[in-house]
Amino acid sequence: RFAPGMVYFRKTKTPNDFFVAGDSGAGYINPGHLEEPRRFSGLPSGVETWARHCRKFYGRWDLSITGFIIDGFAPAMSEQTLRAYATFSQDGIVAQKIAPGGVFEGMPFVRMNLDLGGTPAEAAEQALSRLGPTVPDFQIFRTILWRPSALKELYEAMETQGANVEIVDPFTFFLLVKQHYGGESR
């Protein structure tokens, strides 16, 4: 959606910068609506056509993680759509209508938790209140248009509250998810 910006960010990135796709992939869609029966259009499945489109752009921009799949009011993704994601987003996906975590045909996945809001201290409380009793507890929270300094304050607020939390880059996160679940299809 923003090719000149993507070129700029690639040219100016630092070793601390990572790139993932968002908003369901190469196109702002609800992927469950691509599957038959297609409620609004009655057309045949568009999953494979859309997956080809995504493979082209993920390949062009060296992307392999989809950081947020919008399910909205669409049906949950079927195995057909998960299989399509595994062909272009093999390093991981975050979705709304999916099991809390696992691996599907080699692709790690986690369920999106909540959108964090308020001050960094308030957001830390929100996130920490969602952590489960089992360790490890892989969680993804979304922030929208937060400055890097606010994200740093969020992490510091979690540390201040004594949380046993480790925030890692997306590739490390999904590798840990995959290792935890044994890399097996679920």
Foldseek 3Di string as FASTA:
>chain_A
DCVVVLVVCVVPDDPPDDDAAECAAPDNDQQLCQDPPNVPPSDHHCLVVVLVVRQVVCVVSVHQEYEEYDNDPHDDDDLSNVVSSCVRNLLEYEYAPDPQWAAAQLHTYGYADEEADDALLRSLVVVVVPADPDPPRQYHYHYPPDDPVRVVVNVVSNVVVVDPDDDDDSNVSSVVRCVVNVSDRD
